[in-house]
Amino acid sequence: MLISKIKQRWSEWSYQKMKHKLMLELTASDQSNQILAISFAFGLFVTLSPFWGLQNVIAIVVAIRFKLNKVIVVVLANLSSFPPLVPIIVFTAYQTGSLVTQGHLSESIPQLDELANLKAHFITYCVGAMVSGAALSLLLYLIVLPILNKKRPQHA
């Protein structure tokens, strides 16, 4: 009981802190709305990518190299570390990969408890992660850019 209350309180605090930092970055940033929208899209792409464990490194390196908003990219790149999203991310990636590589959706998710099973389905997952990441990132860009242009017309 006590542990669940502590976890709940920590997650609320963490969410509120991230939300506050993100809003501060948006309102105080002198970057163009297009750069901010690209930062959102790239952060989502990284969180959906199959490069688990390297997501922060990739996010920071690309954000610095292309002068994206580092806070936005890193916050969105860390969405995959939110436990309830992991099964959704993996399921979406696997189904997308199955659709792309085999031409149809998979009827079930395979058991990946053995290394041989993991190897057999790894390409499907990777292809699906990249395709779904690209598609959802483009969709996020198309949603965020008009919102930013409306809320921050001086940076359009």
C-alpha atoms as a PDB file:
ATOM      1  CA  MET A   1       0.000   0.000   0.000  1.00  0.00           C
ATOM      2  CA  LEU A   2       2.688   2.453   1.043  1.00  0.00           C
ATOM      3  CA  ILE A   3       4.941   1.501  -1.869  1.00  0.00           C
ATOM      4  CA  SER A   4       2.129   1.978  -4.396  1.00  0.00           C
ATOM      5  CA  LYS A   5       1.362   5.424  -2.935  1.00  0.00           C
ATOM      6  CA  ILE A   6       5.038   6.385  -3.170  1.00  0.00           C
ATOM      7  CA  LYS A   7       5.238   5.162  -6.765  1.00  0.00           C
ATOM      8  CA  GLN A   8       2.066   7.043  -7.665  1.00  0.00           C
ATOM      9  CA  ARG A   9       3.313  10.227  -6.011  1.00  0.00           C
ATOM     10  CA  TRP A  10       6.704   9.962  -7.701  1.00  0.00           C
ATOM     11  CA  SER A  11       5.138   9.409 -11.126  1.00  0.00           C
ATOM     12  CA  GLU A  12       2.837  12.432 -10.649  1.00  0.00           C
ATOM     13  CA  TRP A  13       5.762  14.565  -9.558  1.00  0.00           C
ATOM     14  CA  SER A  14       7.876  13.342 -12.418  1.00  0.00           C
ATOM     15  CA  TYR A  15       5.077  13.958 -14.938  1.00  0.00           C
ATOM     16  CA  GLN A  16       4.372  17.435 -13.555  1.00  0.00           C
ATOM     17  CA  LYS A  17       8.061  18.304 -13.577  1.00  0.00           C
ATOM     18  CA  MET A  18       8.489  17.128 -17.179  1.00  0.00           C
ATOM     19  CA  LYS A  19       5.342  18.963 -18.265  1.00  0.00           C
ATOM     20  CA  HIS A  20       6.528  22.175 -16.602  1.00  0.00           C
ATOM     21  CA  LYS A  21       9.987  21.918 -18.186  1.00  0.00           C
ATOM     22  CA  LEU A  22       8.487  21.207 -21.598  1.00  0.00           C
ATOM     23  CA  MET A  23       6.110  24.171 -21.387  1.00  0.00           C
ATOM     24  CA  LEU A  24       8.952  26.404 -20.241  1.00  0.00           C
ATOM     25  CA  GLU A  25      11.038  25.277 -23.212  1.00  0.00           C
ATOM     26  CA  LEU A  26       8.191  26.007 -25.612  1.00  0.00           C
ATOM     27  CA  THR A  27       7.404  29.464 -24.294  1.00  0.00           C
ATOM     28  CA  ALA A  28      10.983  30.610 -23.693  1.00  0.00           C
ATOM     29  CA  SER A  29      12.520  29.126 -26.819  1.00  0.00           C
ATOM     30  CA  ASP A  30      13.559  31.480 -29.581  1.00  0.00           C
ATOM     31  CA  GLN A  31      13.717  28.599 -32.057  1.00  0.00           C
ATOM     32  CA  SER A  32      11.302  28.560 -34.965  1.00  0.00           C
ATOM     33  CA  ASN A  33       8.068  26.632 -34.730  1.00  0.00           C
ATOM     34  CA  GLN A  34       9.274  24.341 -37.509  1.00  0.00           C
ATOM     35  CA  ILE A  35      12.400  23.377 -35.517  1.00  0.00           C
ATOM     36  CA  LEU A  36      10.262  22.735 -32.431  1.00  0.00           C
ATOM     37  CA  ALA A  37       7.818  20.574 -34.426  1.00  0.00           C
ATOM     38  CA  ILE A  38      10.743  18.634 -35.919  1.00  0.00           C
ATOM     39  CA  SER A  39      12.091  18.181 -32.374  1.00  0.00           C
ATOM     40  CA  PHE A  40       8.768  16.671 -31.271  1.00  0.00           C
ATOM     41  CA  ALA A  41       8.660  14.396 -34.312  1.00  0.00           C
ATOM     42  CA  PHE A  42      12.251  13.223 -33.966  1.00  0.00           C
ATOM     43  CA  GLY A  43      11.814  12.543 -30.251  1.00  0.00           C
ATOM     44  CA  LEU A  44       8.815  10.347 -31.006  1.00  0.00           C
ATOM     45  CA  PHE A  45      10.710   8.585 -33.787  1.00  0.00           C
ATOM     46  CA  VAL A  46      13.538   7.769 -31.386  1.00  0.00           C
ATOM     47  CA  THR A  47      11.155   6.458 -28.722  1.00  0.00           C
ATOM     48  CA  LEU A  48       9.573   4.110 -31.268  1.00  0.00           C
ATOM     49  CA  SER A  49      12.878   3.014 -32.790  1.00  0.00           C
ATOM     50  CA  PRO A  50      14.270  -0.461 -32.124  1.00  0.00           C
ATOM     51  CA  PHE A  51      17.445   0.920 -30.551  1.00  0.00           C
ATOM     52  CA  TRP A  52      16.493   0.224 -26.934  1.00  0.00           C
ATOM     53  CA  GLY A  53      19.217   1.395 -24.577  1.00  0.00           C
ATOM     54  CA  LEU A  54      20.735   3.794 -27.100  1.00  0.00           C
ATOM     55  CA  GLN A  55      17.755   6.097 -27.430  1.00  0.00           C
ATOM     56  CA  ASN A  56      19.110   8.893 -25.249  1.00  0.00           C
ATOM     57  CA  VAL A  57      22.501   8.833 -26.924  1.00  0.00           C
ATOM     58  CA  ILE A  58      20.930   8.935 -30.390  1.00  0.00           C
ATOM     59  CA  ALA A  59      18.500  11.669 -29.339  1.00  0.00           C
ATOM     60  CA  ILE A  60      21.180  13.915 -27.844  1.00  0.00           C
ATOM     61  CA  VAL A  61      23.701  13.457 -30.667  1.00  0.00           C
ATOM     62  CA  VAL A  62      21.143  14.174 -33.401  1.00  0.00           C
ATOM     63  CA  ALA A  63      19.600  17.080 -31.476  1.00  0.00           C
ATOM     64  CA  ILE A  64      23.013  18.720 -31.097  1.00  0.00           C
ATOM     65  CA  ARG A  65      24.098  17.992 -34.681  1.00  0.00           C
ATOM     66  CA  PHE A  66      20.932  19.391 -36.272  1.00  0.00           C
ATOM     67  CA  LYS A  67      20.337  22.148 -33.685  1.00  0.00           C
ATOM     68  CA  LEU A  68      17.016  20.735 -32.514  1.00  0.00           C
ATOM     69  CA  ASN A  69      15.498  21.541 -29.136  1.00  0.00           C
ATOM     70  CA  LYS A  70      17.370  19.136 -26.887  1.00  0.00           C
ATOM     71  CA  VAL A  71      14.871  19.147 -24.017  1.00  0.00           C
ATOM     72  CA  ILE A  72      11.912  18.320 -26.252  1.00  0.00           C
ATOM     73  CA  VAL A  73      13.815  15.599 -28.101  1.00  0.00           C
ATOM     74  CA  VAL A  74      15.052  13.936 -24.902  1.00  0.00           C
ATOM     75  CA  VAL A  75      11.680  14.129 -23.125  1.00  0.00           C
ATOM     76  CA  LEU A  76       9.887  12.519 -26.054  1.00  0.00           C
ATOM     77  CA  ALA A  77      12.690   9.987 -26.576  1.00  0.00           C
ATOM     78  CA  ASN A  78      12.089   8.795 -23.015  1.00  0.00           C
ATOM     79  CA  LEU A  79       8.405   7.974 -23.518  1.00  0.00           C
ATOM     80  CA  SER A  80       9.421   4.372 -24.110  1.00  0.00           C
ATOM     81  CA  SER A  81      10.708   4.165 -20.547  1.00  0.00           C
ATOM     82  CA  PHE A  82       7.133   4.622 -19.291  1.00  0.00           C
ATOM     83  CA  PRO A  83       6.233   0.960 -18.524  1.00  0.00           C
ATOM     84  CA  PRO A  84       2.589   0.901 -19.691  1.00  0.00           C
ATOM     85  CA  LEU A  85       3.657   2.095 -23.154  1.00  0.00           C
ATOM     86  CA  VAL A  86       6.210  -0.667 -23.806  1.00  0.00           C
ATOM     87  CA  PRO A  87       3.702  -3.414 -24.781  1.00  0.00           C
ATOM     88  CA  ILE A  88       1.822  -0.956 -26.993  1.00  0.00           C
ATOM     89  CA  ILE A  89       5.043   0.123 -28.725  1.00  0.00           C
ATOM     90  CA  VAL A  90       6.202  -3.463 -29.285  1.00  0.00           C
ATOM     91  CA  PHE A  91       2.772  -4.659 -30.459  1.00  0.00           C
ATOM     92  CA  THR A  92       2.382  -1.751 -32.880  1.00  0.00           C
ATOM     93  CA  ALA A  93       5.890  -2.237 -34.259  1.00  0.00           C
ATOM     94  CA  TYR A  94       5.467  -5.977 -34.674  1.00  0.00           C
ATOM     95  CA  GLN A  95       2.091  -5.679 -36.402  1.00  0.00           C
ATOM     96  CA  THR A  96       3.374  -2.930 -38.699  1.00  0.00           C
ATOM     97  CA  GLY A  97       6.436  -5.028 -39.527  1.00  0.00           C
ATOM     98  CA  SER A  98       4.255  -8.032 -40.227  1.00  0.00           C
ATOM     99  CA  LEU A  99       2.095  -5.959 -42.553  1.00  0.00           C
ATOM    100  CA  VAL A 100       5.124  -4.563 -44.403  1.00  0.00           C
ATOM    101  CA  THR A 101       7.209  -7.746 -44.635  1.00  0.00           C
ATOM    102  CA  GLN A 102       4.486 -10.389 -45.020  1.00  0.00           C
ATOM    103  CA  GLY A 103       1.586  -8.402 -46.450  1.00  0.00           C
ATOM    104  CA  HIS A 104      -0.827  -9.129 -43.600  1.00  0.00           C
ATOM    105  CA  LEU A 105      -1.262  -8.532 -39.893  1.00  0.00           C
ATOM    106  CA  SER A 106      -0.050 -11.232 -37.562  1.00  0.00           C
ATOM    107  CA  GLU A 107      -2.761 -13.234 -35.858  1.00  0.00           C
ATOM    108  CA  SER A 108      -0.791 -13.381 -32.634  1.00  0.00           C
ATOM    109  CA  ILE A 109       2.393 -12.127 -31.065  1.00  0.00           C
ATOM    110  CA  PRO A 110       4.993 -14.905 -30.905  1.00  0.00           C
ATOM    111  CA  GLN A 111       6.491 -16.119 -27.648  1.00  0.00           C
ATOM    112  CA  LEU A 112       9.981 -14.672 -27.479  1.00  0.00           C
ATOM    113  CA  ASP A 113      11.232 -16.660 -24.526  1.00  0.00           C
ATOM    114  CA  GLU A 114      13.871 -18.469 -26.584  1.00  0.00           C
ATOM    115  CA  LEU A 115      16.686 -16.872 -28.549  1.00  0.00           C
ATOM    116  CA  ALA A 116      15.759 -18.732 -31.733  1.00  0.00           C
ATOM    117  CA  ASN A 117      12.251 -17.233 -31.642  1.00  0.00           C
ATOM    118  CA  LEU A 118      13.688 -13.769 -31.042  1.00  0.00           C
ATOM    119  CA  LYS A 119      16.013 -14.039 -34.059  1.00  0.00           C
ATOM    120  CA  ALA A 120      13.192 -15.209 -36.300  1.00  0.00           C
ATOM    121  CA  HIS A 121      11.014 -12.184 -35.500  1.00  0.00           C
ATOM    122  CA  PHE A 122      13.659  -9.491 -34.972  1.00  0.00           C
ATOM    123  CA  ILE A 123      13.636  -8.204 -38.563  1.00  0.00           C
ATOM    124  CA  THR A 124       9.840  -7.969 -38.546  1.00  0.00           C
ATOM    125  CA  TYR A 125       9.965  -5.947 -35.335  1.00  0.00           C
ATOM    126  CA  CYS A 126      12.766  -3.644 -36.564  1.00  0.00           C
ATOM    127  CA  VAL A 127      11.077  -2.913 -39.891  1.00  0.00           C
ATOM    128  CA  GLY A 128       7.786  -2.264 -38.117  1.00  0.00           C
ATOM    129  CA  ALA A 129       9.409  -0.015 -35.533  1.00  0.00           C
ATOM    130  CA  MET A 130      11.053   2.125 -38.199  1.00  0.00           C
ATOM    131  CA  VAL A 131       7.935   2.348 -40.389  1.00  0.00           C
ATOM    132  CA  SER A 132       5.513   3.033 -37.539  1.00  0.00           C
ATOM    133  CA  GLY A 133       8.006   5.479 -36.013  1.00  0.00           C
ATOM    134  CA  ALA A 134       8.313   7.391 -39.278  1.00  0.00           C
ATOM    135  CA  ALA A 135       4.553   7.449 -39.890  1.00  0.00           C
ATOM    136  CA  LEU A 136       3.616   8.528 -36.361  1.00  0.00           C
ATOM    137  CA  SER A 137       6.407  11.114 -36.296  1.00  0.00           C
ATOM    138  CA  LEU A 138       5.139  12.641 -39.519  1.00  0.00           C
ATOM    139  CA  LEU A 139       1.623  12.691 -38.095  1.00  0.00           C
ATOM    140  CA  LEU A 140       2.864  14.355 -34.885  1.00  0.00           C
ATOM    141  CA  TYR A 141       4.752  16.968 -36.932  1.00  0.00           C
ATOM    142  CA  LEU A 142       1.611  17.735 -38.948  1.00  0.00           C
ATOM    143  CA  ILE A 143      -0.393  18.140 -35.718  1.00  0.00           C
ATOM    144  CA  VAL A 144       2.158  20.121 -33.684  1.00  0.00           C
ATOM    145  CA  LEU A 145       3.248  22.641 -36.339  1.00  0.00           C
ATOM    146  CA  PRO A 146      -0.186  24.286 -36.821  1.00  0.00           C
ATOM    147  CA  ILE A 147      -0.710  24.372 -33.051  1.00  0.00           C
ATOM    148  CA  LEU A 148       2.644  26.092 -32.531  1.00  0.00           C
ATOM    149  CA  ASN A 149       1.944  28.518 -35.384  1.00  0.00           C
ATOM    150  CA  LYS A 150      -1.336  29.449 -33.706  1.00  0.00           C
ATOM    151  CA  LYS A 151       0.089  29.733 -30.167  1.00  0.00           C
ATOM    152  CA  ARG A 152       3.404  31.345 -31.182  1.00  0.00           C
ATOM    153  CA  PRO A 153       2.732  33.360 -34.357  1.00  0.00           C
ATOM    154  CA  GLN A 154       5.846  35.476 -33.859  1.00  0.00           C
ATOM    155  CA  HIS A 155       8.032  32.367 -34.427  1.00  0.00           C
ATOM    156  CA  ALA A 156       6.211  30.993 -37.475  1.00  0.00           C
END
